[in-house]
Protein backbone atom coordinates (compact mmCIF):
# COMPACT_ATOMS: atom_id res chain seq x y z
CA UNK A 1 0.00 0.00 0.00
CA UNK A 2 1.06 3.60 -0.52
CA UNK A 3 2.14 5.61 2.53
CA UNK A 4 2.34 9.39 2.08
CA UNK A 5 5.20 11.34 3.63
CA UNK A 6 4.96 14.45 5.80
CA UNK A 7 1.71 16.37 5.50
CA UNK A 8 0.66 14.65 2.28
CA UNK A 9 -2.66 12.85 1.84
CA UNK A 10 -3.63 10.18 -0.72
CA UNK A 11 -7.10 10.62 -2.21
CA UNK A 12 -9.20 8.29 -4.32
CA UNK A 13 -10.86 10.81 -6.63
CA UNK A 14 -14.61 10.48 -7.06
CA UNK A 15 -15.88 9.97 -10.61
CA UNK A 16 -18.13 12.74 -11.92
CA UNK A 17 -21.61 12.20 -13.31
CA UNK A 18 -21.49 11.23 -17.00
CA UNK A 19 -24.79 12.92 -17.93
CA UNK A 20 -25.84 16.55 -17.83
CA UNK A 21 -29.02 17.64 -16.04
CA UNK A 22 -30.82 17.65 -19.39
CA UNK A 23 -29.75 14.06 -20.11
CA UNK A 24 -26.84 14.58 -22.52
CA UNK A 25 -24.08 11.99 -22.16
CA UNK A 26 -20.64 13.55 -21.76
CA UNK A 27 -17.59 12.20 -23.55
CA UNK A 28 -14.43 11.66 -21.48
CA UNK A 29 -12.76 14.66 -23.16
CA UNK A 30 -15.59 17.04 -22.24
CA UNK A 31 -15.90 15.95 -18.61
CA UNK A 32 -14.32 18.17 -16.00
CA UNK A 33 -12.18 16.49 -13.37
CA UNK A 34 -13.73 15.99 -9.98
CA UNK A 35 -12.45 18.07 -7.09
CA UNK A 36 -13.58 15.67 -4.37
CA UNK A 37 -12.66 12.23 -3.17
CA UNK A 38 -12.13 9.88 -0.25
CA UNK A 39 -8.95 9.93 1.80
CA UNK A 40 -7.29 6.52 1.79
CA UNK A 41 -4.02 7.35 3.59
CA UNK A 42 -2.45 10.24 5.53
CA UNK A 43 1.14 11.08 6.36
CA UNK A 44 2.53 11.58 9.87
CA UNK A 45 2.28 15.37 9.67
CA UNK A 46 4.48 18.37 9.11
CA UNK A 47 7.65 18.90 11.13
CA UNK A 48 7.79 22.43 12.56
CA UNK A 49 10.99 24.48 12.85
CA UNK A 50 11.28 23.57 16.54
CA UNK A 51 11.24 19.84 15.68
CA UNK A 52 7.72 18.99 16.85
CA UNK A 53 5.25 17.22 14.57
CA UNK A 54 1.98 18.91 13.62
CA UNK A 55 -0.41 16.03 12.83
CA UNK A 56 -2.61 16.07 9.73
CA UNK A 57 -6.11 17.36 10.56
CA UNK A 58 -7.99 14.96 8.24
CA UNK A 59 -8.33 11.21 8.55
CA UNK A 60 -8.78 8.09 6.44
CA UNK A 61 -12.34 7.59 5.22
CA UNK A 62 -13.32 11.26 5.12
CA UNK A 63 -14.60 12.78 1.89
CA UNK A 64 -12.83 16.04 1.05
CA UNK A 65 -12.78 18.74 -1.58
CA UNK A 66 -9.43 19.97 -2.88
CA UNK A 67 -7.94 22.73 -5.05
CA UNK A 68 -8.61 22.34 -8.78
CA UNK A 69 -5.01 21.86 -9.93
CA UNK A 70 -3.62 20.43 -6.70
CA UNK A 71 -1.39 17.47 -6.20
CA UNK A 72 0.23 14.76 -8.22
CA UNK A 73 -1.70 12.03 -10.01
CA UNK A 74 -0.23 8.55 -9.56
CA UNK A 75 -1.13 5.03 -10.67
CA UNK A 76 -0.55 2.21 -8.24
CA UNK A 77 -1.71 -1.38 -8.44
CA UNK A 78 -4.05 -0.58 -11.35
CA UNK A 79 -5.78 2.32 -9.60
CA UNK A 80 -5.40 6.08 -9.94
CA UNK A 81 -4.84 8.29 -6.90
CA UNK A 82 -4.09 11.91 -6.16
CA UNK A 83 -1.41 12.87 -3.64
CA UNK A 84 -1.87 16.36 -2.20
CA UNK A 85 -0.45 18.43 0.63
CA UNK A 86 -2.88 19.01 3.48
CA UNK A 87 -2.94 22.75 2.63
CA UNK A 88 -4.52 21.90 -0.76
CA UNK A 89 -7.61 20.40 0.94
CA UNK A 90 -10.26 23.11 1.14
CA UNK A 91 -13.19 21.35 2.83
CA UNK A 92 -14.42 18.19 4.52
CA UNK A 93 -17.75 16.91 3.19
CA UNK A 94 -20.04 15.80 6.03
PDB file of N, CA and C in Angstrom:
ATOM      1  N   UNK A   1       0.836  -1.189   0.000  1.00  0.00           N
ATOM      2  CA  UNK A   1       0.000   0.000   0.000  1.00  0.00           C
ATOM      3  C   UNK A   1       0.876   1.245   0.000  1.00  0.00           C
ATOM      4  N   UNK A   2       0.344   2.319  -0.495  1.00  0.00           N
ATOM      5  CA  UNK A   2       1.056   3.596  -0.523  1.00  0.00           C
ATOM      6  C   UNK A   2       0.995   4.270   0.843  1.00  0.00           C
ATOM      7  N   UNK A   3       2.084   4.870   1.269  1.00  0.00           N
ATOM      8  CA  UNK A   3       2.143   5.607   2.531  1.00  0.00           C
ATOM      9  C   UNK A   3       2.685   7.000   2.213  1.00  0.00           C
ATOM     10  N   UNK A   4       1.862   8.037   2.379  1.00  0.00           N
ATOM     11  CA  UNK A   4       2.337   9.387   2.076  1.00  0.00           C
ATOM     12  C   UNK A   4       3.307   9.892   3.137  1.00  0.00           C
ATOM     13  N   UNK A   5       4.213  10.771   2.726  1.00  0.00           N
ATOM     14  CA  UNK A   5       5.198  11.337   3.631  1.00  0.00           C
ATOM     15  C   UNK A   5       4.763  12.727   4.100  1.00  0.00           C
ATOM     16  N   UNK A   6       5.214  13.101   5.276  1.00  0.00           N
ATOM     17  CA  UNK A   6       4.961  14.446   5.804  1.00  0.00           C
ATOM     18  C   UNK A   6       3.487  14.766   5.922  1.00  0.00           C
ATOM     19  N   UNK A   7       3.103  15.935   5.400  1.00  0.00           N
ATOM     20  CA  UNK A   7       1.707  16.371   5.499  1.00  0.00           C
ATOM     21  C   UNK A   7       0.913  16.039   4.240  1.00  0.00           C
ATOM     22  N   UNK A   8       1.365  15.035   3.498  1.00  0.00           N
ATOM     23  CA  UNK A   8       0.656  14.647   2.282  1.00  0.00           C
ATOM     24  C   UNK A   8      -0.483  13.676   2.598  1.00  0.00           C
ATOM     25  N   UNK A   9      -1.466  13.678   1.701  1.00  0.00           N
ATOM     26  CA  UNK A   9      -2.661  12.851   1.836  1.00  0.00           C
ATOM     27  C   UNK A   9      -2.905  12.166   0.496  1.00  0.00           C
ATOM     28  N   UNK A  10      -3.285  10.898   0.511  1.00  0.00           N
ATOM     29  CA  UNK A  10      -3.634  10.184  -0.723  1.00  0.00           C
ATOM     30  C   UNK A  10      -5.152  10.120  -0.826  1.00  0.00           C
ATOM     31  N   UNK A  11      -5.654  10.535  -1.988  1.00  0.00           N
ATOM     32  CA  UNK A  11      -7.097  10.623  -2.210  1.00  0.00           C
ATOM     33  C   UNK A  11      -7.492   9.745  -3.391  1.00  0.00           C
ATOM     34  N   UNK A  12      -8.575   9.002  -3.218  1.00  0.00           N
ATOM     35  CA  UNK A  12      -9.203   8.286  -4.315  1.00  0.00           C
ATOM     36  C   UNK A  12     -10.257   9.230  -4.875  1.00  0.00           C
ATOM     37  N   UNK A  13     -10.004   9.768  -6.068  1.00  0.00           N
ATOM     38  CA  UNK A  13     -10.859  10.807  -6.633  1.00  0.00           C
ATOM     39  C   UNK A  13     -12.186  10.212  -7.077  1.00  0.00           C
ATOM     40  N   UNK A  14     -13.271  10.920  -6.722  1.00  0.00           N
ATOM     41  CA  UNK A  14     -14.613  10.480  -7.059  1.00  0.00           C
ATOM     42  C   UNK A  14     -14.896  10.743  -8.534  1.00  0.00           C
ATOM     43  N   UNK A  15     -15.512   9.793  -9.202  1.00  0.00           N
ATOM     44  CA  UNK A  15     -15.883   9.967 -10.605  1.00  0.00           C
ATOM     45  C   UNK A  15     -17.079  10.906 -10.704  1.00  0.00           C
ATOM     46  N   UNK A  16     -17.033  11.794 -11.689  1.00  0.00           N
ATOM     47  CA  UNK A  16     -18.126  12.737 -11.915  1.00  0.00           C
ATOM     48  C   UNK A  16     -19.264  12.066 -12.676  1.00  0.00           C
ATOM     49  N   UNK A  17     -20.428  12.658 -12.583  1.00  0.00           N
ATOM     50  CA  UNK A  17     -21.615  12.197 -13.311  1.00  0.00           C
ATOM     51  C   UNK A  17     -21.334  12.261 -14.816  1.00  0.00           C
ATOM     52  N   UNK A  18     -21.773  11.268 -15.576  1.00  0.00           N
ATOM     53  CA  UNK A  18     -21.492  11.227 -17.000  1.00  0.00           C
ATOM     54  C   UNK A  18     -22.616  11.795 -17.837  1.00  0.00           C
ATOM     55  N   UNK A  19     -23.693  12.295 -17.203  1.00  0.00           N
ATOM     56  CA  UNK A  19     -24.795  12.916 -17.928  1.00  0.00           C
ATOM     57  C   UNK A  19     -25.026  14.318 -17.389  1.00  0.00           C
ATOM     58  N   UNK A  20     -25.465  15.208 -18.272  1.00  0.00           N
ATOM     59  CA  UNK A  20     -25.836  16.546 -17.828  1.00  0.00           C
ATOM     60  C   UNK A  20     -27.236  16.487 -17.240  1.00  0.00           C
ATOM     61  N   UNK A  21     -27.674  17.587 -16.633  1.00  0.00           N
ATOM     62  CA  UNK A  21     -29.016  17.638 -16.039  1.00  0.00           C
ATOM     63  C   UNK A  21     -30.094  17.421 -17.091  1.00  0.00           C
ATOM     64  N   UNK A  22     -29.820  17.819 -18.325  1.00  0.00           N
ATOM     65  CA  UNK A  22     -30.819  17.649 -19.385  1.00  0.00           C
ATOM     66  C   UNK A  22     -30.730  16.288 -20.072  1.00  0.00           C
ATOM     67  N   UNK A  23     -29.810  15.421 -19.605  1.00  0.00           N
ATOM     68  CA  UNK A  23     -29.747  14.058 -20.106  1.00  0.00           C
ATOM     69  C   UNK A  23     -28.693  13.797 -21.166  1.00  0.00           C
ATOM     70  N   UNK A  24     -27.892  14.794 -21.537  1.00  0.00           N
ATOM     71  CA  UNK A  24     -26.838  14.584 -22.525  1.00  0.00           C
ATOM     72  C   UNK A  24     -25.696  13.783 -21.897  1.00  0.00           C
ATOM     73  N   UNK A  25     -25.198  12.805 -22.631  1.00  0.00           N
ATOM     74  CA  UNK A  25     -24.077  11.993 -22.161  1.00  0.00           C
ATOM     75  C   UNK A  25     -22.786  12.718 -22.521  1.00  0.00           C
ATOM     76  N   UNK A  26     -21.896  12.853 -21.535  1.00  0.00           N
ATOM     77  CA  UNK A  26     -20.637  13.551 -21.755  1.00  0.00           C
ATOM     78  C   UNK A  26     -19.547  12.579 -22.195  1.00  0.00           C
ATOM     79  N   UNK A  27     -18.734  13.007 -23.137  1.00  0.00           N
ATOM     80  CA  UNK A  27     -17.590  12.201 -23.550  1.00  0.00           C
ATOM     81  C   UNK A  27     -16.471  12.412 -22.542  1.00  0.00           C
ATOM     82  N   UNK A  28     -15.527  11.492 -22.444  1.00  0.00           N
ATOM     83  CA  UNK A  28     -14.433  11.660 -21.481  1.00  0.00           C
ATOM     84  C   UNK A  28     -13.662  12.966 -21.668  1.00  0.00           C
ATOM     85  N   UNK A  29     -13.503  13.425 -22.898  1.00  0.00           N
ATOM     86  CA  UNK A  29     -12.760  14.658 -23.159  1.00  0.00           C
ATOM     87  C   UNK A  29     -13.504  15.894 -22.669  1.00  0.00           C
ATOM     88  N   UNK A  30     -14.822  15.852 -22.634  1.00  0.00           N
ATOM     89  CA  UNK A  30     -15.586  17.038 -22.235  1.00  0.00           C
ATOM     90  C   UNK A  30     -15.895  17.075 -20.741  1.00  0.00           C
ATOM     91  N   UNK A  31     -15.627  15.981 -20.037  1.00  0.00           N
ATOM     92  CA  UNK A  31     -15.900  15.954 -18.605  1.00  0.00           C
ATOM     93  C   UNK A  31     -14.832  16.728 -17.851  1.00  0.00           C
ATOM     94  N   UNK A  32     -15.270  17.474 -16.851  1.00  0.00           N
ATOM     95  CA  UNK A  32     -14.323  18.174 -16.004  1.00  0.00           C
ATOM     96  C   UNK A  32     -13.924  17.240 -14.862  1.00  0.00           C
ATOM     97  N   UNK A  33     -12.668  17.337 -14.450  1.00  0.00           N
ATOM     98  CA  UNK A  33     -12.179  16.493 -13.371  1.00  0.00           C
ATOM     99  C   UNK A  33     -12.864  16.823 -12.056  1.00  0.00           C
ATOM    100  N   UNK A  34     -13.137  15.808 -11.299  1.00  0.00           N
ATOM    101  CA  UNK A  34     -13.734  15.988  -9.983  1.00  0.00           C
ATOM    102  C   UNK A  34     -12.747  16.670  -9.049  1.00  0.00           C
ATOM    103  N   UNK A  35     -13.278  17.420  -8.099  1.00  0.00           N
ATOM    104  CA  UNK A  35     -12.454  18.067  -7.089  1.00  0.00           C
ATOM    105  C   UNK A  35     -12.796  17.531  -5.709  1.00  0.00           C
ATOM    106  N   UNK A  36     -13.296  16.293  -5.657  1.00  0.00           N
ATOM    107  CA  UNK A  36     -13.581  15.674  -4.366  1.00  0.00           C
ATOM    108  C   UNK A  36     -13.216  14.201  -4.422  1.00  0.00           C
ATOM    109  N   UNK A  37     -13.008  13.634  -3.240  1.00  0.00           N
ATOM    110  CA  UNK A  37     -12.660  12.226  -3.172  1.00  0.00           C
ATOM    111  C   UNK A  37     -12.523  11.771  -1.737  1.00  0.00           C
ATOM    112  N   UNK A  38     -12.254  10.479  -1.580  1.00  0.00           N
ATOM    113  CA  UNK A  38     -12.129   9.884  -0.249  1.00  0.00           C
ATOM    114  C   UNK A  38     -10.660   9.715   0.112  1.00  0.00           C
ATOM    115  N   UNK A  39     -10.320  10.079   1.323  1.00  0.00           N
ATOM    116  CA  UNK A  39      -8.949   9.931   1.803  1.00  0.00           C
ATOM    117  C   UNK A  39      -8.697   8.462   2.112  1.00  0.00           C
ATOM    118  N   UNK A  40      -7.615   7.921   1.535  1.00  0.00           N
ATOM    119  CA  UNK A  40      -7.294   6.516   1.792  1.00  0.00           C
ATOM    120  C   UNK A  40      -6.034   6.353   2.629  1.00  0.00           C
ATOM    121  N   UNK A  41      -5.224   7.421   2.750  1.00  0.00           N
ATOM    122  CA  UNK A  41      -4.018   7.350   3.592  1.00  0.00           C
ATOM    123  C   UNK A  41      -3.556   8.771   3.917  1.00  0.00           C
ATOM    124  N   UNK A  42      -2.989   8.940   5.114  1.00  0.00           N
ATOM    125  CA  UNK A  42      -2.451  10.241   5.529  1.00  0.00           C
ATOM    126  C   UNK A  42      -1.028  10.058   6.048  1.00  0.00           C
ATOM    127  N   UNK A  43      -0.223  11.093   5.855  1.00  0.00           N
ATOM    128  CA  UNK A  43       1.143  11.079   6.363  1.00  0.00           C
ATOM    129  C   UNK A  43       1.164  11.354   7.857  1.00  0.00           C
ATOM    130  N   UNK A  44       2.375  11.372   8.429  1.00  0.00           N
ATOM    131  CA  UNK A  44       2.530  11.575   9.872  1.00  0.00           C
ATOM    132  C   UNK A  44       2.359  13.025  10.284  1.00  0.00           C
ATOM    133  N   UNK A  45       2.434  13.951   9.350  1.00  0.00           N
ATOM    134  CA  UNK A  45       2.283  15.366   9.666  1.00  0.00           C
ATOM    135  C   UNK A  45       3.519  16.160   9.307  1.00  0.00           C
ATOM    136  N   UNK A  46       3.398  17.459   9.459  1.00  0.00           N
ATOM    137  CA  UNK A  46       4.484  18.374   9.110  1.00  0.00           C
ATOM    138  C   UNK A  46       5.388  18.586  10.310  1.00  0.00           C
ATOM    139  N   UNK A  47       6.692  18.622  10.069  1.00  0.00           N
ATOM    140  CA  UNK A  47       7.653  18.896  11.128  1.00  0.00           C
ATOM    141  C   UNK A  47       7.879  20.405  11.195  1.00  0.00           C
ATOM    142  N   UNK A  48       7.618  20.994  12.358  1.00  0.00           N
ATOM    143  CA  UNK A  48       7.786  22.426  12.556  1.00  0.00           C
ATOM    144  C   UNK A  48       9.258  22.759  12.759  1.00  0.00           C
ATOM    145  N   UNK A  49       9.595  24.039  12.702  1.00  0.00           N
ATOM    146  CA  UNK A  49      10.987  24.479  12.852  1.00  0.00           C
ATOM    147  C   UNK A  49      11.598  24.058  14.190  1.00  0.00           C
ATOM    148  N   UNK A  50      10.758  23.952  15.226  1.00  0.00           N
ATOM    149  CA  UNK A  50      11.283  23.566  16.544  1.00  0.00           C
ATOM    150  C   UNK A  50      11.394  22.045  16.714  1.00  0.00           C
ATOM    151  N   UNK A  51      11.083  21.276  15.647  1.00  0.00           N
ATOM    152  CA  UNK A  51      11.242  19.836  15.680  1.00  0.00           C
ATOM    153  C   UNK A  51      10.007  19.043  16.061  1.00  0.00           C
ATOM    154  N   UNK A  52       8.942  19.708  16.496  1.00  0.00           N
ATOM    155  CA  UNK A  52       7.718  18.986  16.849  1.00  0.00           C
ATOM    156  C   UNK A  52       6.900  18.680  15.597  1.00  0.00           C
ATOM    157  N   UNK A  53       6.105  17.617  15.683  1.00  0.00           N
ATOM    158  CA  UNK A  53       5.247  17.217  14.566  1.00  0.00           C
ATOM    159  C   UNK A  53       3.862  17.829  14.734  1.00  0.00           C
ATOM    160  N   UNK A  54       3.350  18.420  13.655  1.00  0.00           N
ATOM    161  CA  UNK A  54       1.980  18.914  13.615  1.00  0.00           C
ATOM    162  C   UNK A  54       1.177  17.880  12.842  1.00  0.00           C
ATOM    163  N   UNK A  55       0.301  17.103  13.527  1.00  0.00           N
ATOM    164  CA  UNK A  55      -0.413  16.027  12.828  1.00  0.00           C
ATOM    165  C   UNK A  55      -1.371  16.568  11.768  1.00  0.00           C
ATOM    166  N   UNK A  56      -1.661  15.735  10.790  1.00  0.00           N
ATOM    167  CA  UNK A  56      -2.606  16.075   9.731  1.00  0.00           C
ATOM    168  C   UNK A  56      -4.006  16.139  10.342  1.00  0.00           C
ATOM    169  N   UNK A  57      -4.804  17.141   9.927  1.00  0.00           N
ATOM    170  CA  UNK A  57      -6.107  17.363  10.555  1.00  0.00           C
ATOM    171  C   UNK A  57      -7.254  16.590   9.898  1.00  0.00           C
ATOM    172  N   UNK A  58      -6.971  15.798   8.868  1.00  0.00           N
ATOM    173  CA  UNK A  58      -7.994  14.965   8.238  1.00  0.00           C
ATOM    174  C   UNK A  58      -7.631  13.505   8.480  1.00  0.00           C
ATOM    175  N   UNK A  59      -8.608  12.622   8.274  1.00  0.00           N
ATOM    176  CA  UNK A  59      -8.331  11.211   8.547  1.00  0.00           C
ATOM    177  C   UNK A  59      -8.861  10.311   7.432  1.00  0.00           C
ATOM    178  N   UNK A  60      -8.384   9.093   7.426  1.00  0.00           N
ATOM    179  CA  UNK A  60      -8.778   8.093   6.436  1.00  0.00           C
ATOM    180  C   UNK A  60     -10.291   7.892   6.490  1.00  0.00           C
ATOM    181  N   UNK A  61     -10.900   7.819   5.320  1.00  0.00           N
ATOM    182  CA  UNK A  61     -12.341   7.587   5.222  1.00  0.00           C
ATOM    183  C   UNK A  61     -13.153   8.855   5.024  1.00  0.00           C
ATOM    184  N   UNK A  62     -12.590  10.011   5.306  1.00  0.00           N
ATOM    185  CA  UNK A  62     -13.320  11.260   5.116  1.00  0.00           C
ATOM    186  C   UNK A  62     -13.377  11.609   3.638  1.00  0.00           C
ATOM    187  N   UNK A  63     -14.473  12.254   3.236  1.00  0.00           N
ATOM    188  CA  UNK A  63     -14.596  12.784   1.886  1.00  0.00           C
ATOM    189  C   UNK A  63     -14.222  14.251   1.945  1.00  0.00           C
ATOM    190  N   UNK A  64     -13.338  14.669   1.037  1.00  0.00           N
ATOM    191  CA  UNK A  64     -12.834  16.039   1.053  1.00  0.00           C
ATOM    192  C   UNK A  64     -12.940  16.659  -0.334  1.00  0.00           C
ATOM    193  N   UNK A  65     -12.890  17.985  -0.343  1.00  0.00           N
ATOM    194  CA  UNK A  65     -12.779  18.743  -1.585  1.00  0.00           C
ATOM    195  C   UNK A  65     -11.398  19.365  -1.593  1.00  0.00           C
ATOM    196  N   UNK A  66     -10.785  19.462  -2.783  1.00  0.00           N
ATOM    197  CA  UNK A  66      -9.426  19.971  -2.880  1.00  0.00           C
ATOM    198  C   UNK A  66      -9.316  20.970  -4.026  1.00  0.00           C
ATOM    199  N   UNK A  67      -8.212  21.730  -4.019  1.00  0.00           N
ATOM    200  CA  UNK A  67      -7.941  22.734  -5.046  1.00  0.00           C
ATOM    201  C   UNK A  67      -7.975  22.087  -6.431  1.00  0.00           C
ATOM    202  N   UNK A  68      -8.404  22.860  -7.426  1.00  0.00           N
ATOM    203  CA  UNK A  68      -8.606  22.340  -8.777  1.00  0.00           C
ATOM    204  C   UNK A  68      -7.350  21.719  -9.391  1.00  0.00           C
ATOM    205  N   UNK A  69      -6.223  22.373  -9.293  1.00  0.00           N
ATOM    206  CA  UNK A  69      -5.007  21.858  -9.934  1.00  0.00           C
ATOM    207  C   UNK A  69      -4.004  21.346  -8.910  1.00  0.00           C
ATOM    208  N   UNK A  70      -4.485  20.865  -7.796  1.00  0.00           N
ATOM    209  CA  UNK A  70      -3.617  20.434  -6.699  1.00  0.00           C
ATOM    210  C   UNK A  70      -3.064  19.038  -6.935  1.00  0.00           C
ATOM    211  N   UNK A  71      -1.914  18.806  -6.345  1.00  0.00           N
ATOM    212  CA  UNK A  71      -1.391  17.466  -6.205  1.00  0.00           C
ATOM    213  C   UNK A  71      -0.765  16.831  -7.425  1.00  0.00           C
ATOM    214  N   UNK A  72      -0.425  15.586  -7.212  1.00  0.00           N
ATOM    215  CA  UNK A  72       0.235  14.761  -8.219  1.00  0.00           C
ATOM    216  C   UNK A  72      -0.581  13.500  -8.437  1.00  0.00           C
ATOM    217  N   UNK A  73      -0.969  13.248  -9.689  1.00  0.00           N
ATOM    218  CA  UNK A  73      -1.702  12.028 -10.006  1.00  0.00           C
ATOM    219  C   UNK A  73      -0.717  10.872 -10.112  1.00  0.00           C
ATOM    220  N   UNK A  74      -1.076   9.744  -9.504  1.00  0.00           N
ATOM    221  CA  UNK A  74      -0.232   8.550  -9.563  1.00  0.00           C
ATOM    222  C   UNK A  74      -1.091   7.326  -9.837  1.00  0.00           C
ATOM    223  N   UNK A  75      -0.485   6.334 -10.469  1.00  0.00           N
ATOM    224  CA  UNK A  75      -1.126   5.034 -10.673  1.00  0.00           C
ATOM    225  C   UNK A  75      -0.386   4.034  -9.821  1.00  0.00           C
ATOM    226  N   UNK A  76      -1.158   3.234  -9.070  1.00  0.00           N
ATOM    227  CA  UNK A  76      -0.554   2.210  -8.240  1.00  0.00           C
ATOM    228  C   UNK A  76      -1.480   1.013  -8.198  1.00  0.00           C
ATOM    229  N   UNK A  77      -0.955  -0.134  -8.500  1.00  0.00           N
ATOM    230  CA  UNK A  77      -1.713  -1.384  -8.443  1.00  0.00           C
ATOM    231  C   UNK A  77      -2.999  -1.303  -9.270  1.00  0.00           C
ATOM    232  N   UNK A  78      -2.911  -0.663 -10.447  1.00  0.00           N
ATOM    233  CA  UNK A  78      -4.054  -0.582 -11.352  1.00  0.00           C
ATOM    234  C   UNK A  78      -5.080   0.487 -11.015  1.00  0.00           C
ATOM    235  N   UNK A  79      -4.850   1.273  -9.986  1.00  0.00           N
ATOM    236  CA  UNK A  79      -5.784   2.317  -9.600  1.00  0.00           C
ATOM    237  C   UNK A  79      -5.103   3.677  -9.694  1.00  0.00           C
ATOM    238  N   UNK A  80      -5.925   4.724  -9.872  1.00  0.00           N
ATOM    239  CA  UNK A  80      -5.396   6.085  -9.938  1.00  0.00           C
ATOM    240  C   UNK A  80      -5.705   6.810  -8.637  1.00  0.00           C
ATOM    241  N   UNK A  81      -4.708   7.529  -8.139  1.00  0.00           N
ATOM    242  CA  UNK A  81      -4.844   8.290  -6.905  1.00  0.00           C
ATOM    243  C   UNK A  81      -4.294   9.693  -7.110  1.00  0.00           C
ATOM    244  N   UNK A  82      -4.631  10.561  -6.185  1.00  0.00           N
ATOM    245  CA  UNK A  82      -4.094  11.914  -6.164  1.00  0.00           C
ATOM    246  C   UNK A  82      -3.394  12.109  -4.829  1.00  0.00           C
ATOM    247  N   UNK A  83      -2.149  12.574  -4.868  1.00  0.00           N
ATOM    248  CA  UNK A  83      -1.410  12.869  -3.643  1.00  0.00           C
ATOM    249  C   UNK A  83      -1.317  14.380  -3.514  1.00  0.00           C
ATOM    250  N   UNK A  84      -1.853  14.913  -2.420  1.00  0.00           N
ATOM    251  CA  UNK A  84      -1.868  16.365  -2.204  1.00  0.00           C
ATOM    252  C   UNK A  84      -1.295  16.691  -0.833  1.00  0.00           C
ATOM    253  N   UNK A  85      -0.820  17.930  -0.685  1.00  0.00           N
ATOM    254  CA  UNK A  85      -0.452  18.430   0.633  1.00  0.00           C
ATOM    255  C   UNK A  85      -1.731  18.786   1.376  1.00  0.00           C
ATOM    256  N   UNK A  86      -1.702  18.694   2.677  1.00  0.00           N
ATOM    257  CA  UNK A  86      -2.881  19.014   3.479  1.00  0.00           C
ATOM    258  C   UNK A  86      -3.406  20.416   3.187  1.00  0.00           C
ATOM    259  N   UNK A  87      -2.526  21.371   2.896  1.00  0.00           N
ATOM    260  CA  UNK A  87      -2.945  22.750   2.633  1.00  0.00           C
ATOM    261  C   UNK A  87      -3.784  22.877   1.360  1.00  0.00           C
ATOM    262  N   UNK A  88      -3.740  21.870   0.465  1.00  0.00           N
ATOM    263  CA  UNK A  88      -4.525  21.901  -0.762  1.00  0.00           C
ATOM    264  C   UNK A  88      -5.954  21.397  -0.566  1.00  0.00           C
ATOM    265  N   UNK A  89      -6.248  20.844   0.616  1.00  0.00           N
ATOM    266  CA  UNK A  89      -7.606  20.400   0.940  1.00  0.00           C
ATOM    267  C   UNK A  89      -8.379  21.622   1.442  1.00  0.00           C
ATOM    268  N   UNK A  90      -9.519  21.889   0.800  1.00  0.00           N
ATOM    269  CA  UNK A  90     -10.258  23.112   1.141  1.00  0.00           C
ATOM    270  C   UNK A  90     -11.506  22.866   1.982  1.00  0.00           C
ATOM    271  N   UNK A  91     -11.995  21.620   2.040  1.00  0.00           N
ATOM    272  CA  UNK A  91     -13.190  21.347   2.827  1.00  0.00           C
ATOM    273  C   UNK A  91     -13.345  19.865   3.094  1.00  0.00           C
ATOM    274  N   UNK A  92     -14.013  19.556   4.194  1.00  0.00           N
ATOM    275  CA  UNK A  92     -14.416  18.186   4.517  1.00  0.00           C
ATOM    276  C   UNK A  92     -15.912  18.104   4.249  1.00  0.00           C
ATOM    277  N   UNK A  93     -16.346  17.098   3.501  1.00  0.00           N
ATOM    278  CA  UNK A  93     -17.754  16.912   3.191  1.00  0.00           C
ATOM    279  C   UNK A  93     -18.365  16.042   4.283  1.00  0.00           C
ATOM    280  N   UNK A  94     -19.395  16.567   4.949  1.00  0.00           N
ATOM    281  CA  UNK A  94     -20.040  15.801   6.031  1.00  0.00           C
ATOM    282  C   UNK A  94     -21.411  15.341   5.632  1.00  0.00           C
TER     283      UNK A  94
END
